[in-house]
Amino acid sequence: MSLPFSIWVDADSCPVDVRQIIIRFAKRLELKTYFVANHPIPSPKSELFEMIIADATPDAADNIIVEKINPDDIAITRDIPLASRLVEKQITVINDRGTLFTAENIREKLSIRDFNKTLYENGLISEKNTSFGKKEANLFANCFDREIQKKLRGNLNIRQRQGTDALRHP
C-alpha cells in the first residue's frame, strides 16, 4: 500500500541522523522519498527511495523540489528561502531540528536569517550554530511523526467522506 503523499528532502545539508530517521519512517509506512542534492547522497536501494542529482548551480536542487513537489507532500529543509517558497505553495515544510514552517512564522524566520547573514558578512559574528545532537534528532522525529500522522488522518477522513457520499448517491 503506497500513501498518497511523498517526502522531499533537501539533502545537501541534511544531517545523517535525520536521513536515517526519514528512511526508518519511509520504510515502515512505505512512503516514497526523494533525496535532492547536487551530489550523490547514500540512500537505500529500494523503489521507495530516489536520489535526484541537481546541477551544481545555486538553487538548482531547490528549484527541482519546488517544481516537482505535490500539495500533499512533506518537504524537509533547513534552507529558509526554499521553505518560504514551499510555504507559499501551502506545502508542509519542516527543518532538521523539528521546526514546522508556516505562513505565520516564515517571514520572521526569513528576517532573522537575513539579519544574521548581514552580521556574518560584516564580521560581527564568527560562526553559525550548527551543533546537532540527540535532542535535535528527537525534536525532528517528533515533528516529522506529527506531520505524517496529520496527513494520514486527513487521508482517512477523505476516504470516509467519499465512502459515505457513495452510499448516499448510488
Foldseek 3Di string as FASTA:
>chain_A
DEDPEAEEEQAAPADPLLVVLVLVVCVVRVHQYEHEEQDDDDDDPDNSYYYHHFHPDPCRSLVVCLVPHDLLYEYEDPDLVSLVSVQVVVHFYAYLQQDTDHPVCSVVVVVVVVVVVVCCVVVVDPDDDDDDDPNSNVNNSVNVVVSVVVSVVVVVVVVVVVVVVVVVPD
